[in-house]
Amino acid sequence: MSIASLQDIHPQFAKAFSGGDLEGLVAMYEPNALLSPEPGRVVTGTDAIREAYRTFLAIKPKIEVETLGAFESGEGIAMLHGRWVLTATLPDGSAMRNEGRNSEVLRRQADGGWLFLIDNPFTPPL
């Protein structure tokens, strides 16, 4: 199931991620999508994306994502930019807080909605 509107992408992602909804996250990606689950590493395809998120969701993180820009071509391709803040309590009880910038490329699907084609949550600041 694709996401109906570009403005709904980041809120839907944050809801699934913060809620630990692994299958909901994976459903936001095209079958051969690319994800950078950590700087310098890229995984391809929903099976690899599922495994990358499975490991990460084990710490029950919460994320807030703010959309900073959305650009749509007339060809059914869009690019989103944003910033995120992630928090979690680690198994030893210590607090974790990370933040960064993200860039994503999405493609319009046959149902008119959007799915991730490329997802880079570790975009360096300009």
Foldseek 3Di string as FASTA:
>chain_A
DFAQDPVCVQVQCQVCLLVVPLVSNLVQADQFAWEDLDPPDIDTGSVVVSVSSVVVCVQNKGKHKDWPDWADDPQFKIKTKIKMWIWGQGPVRDIDIDIAMKMFMWGQDPVRGIHTRYIYRHDDDD
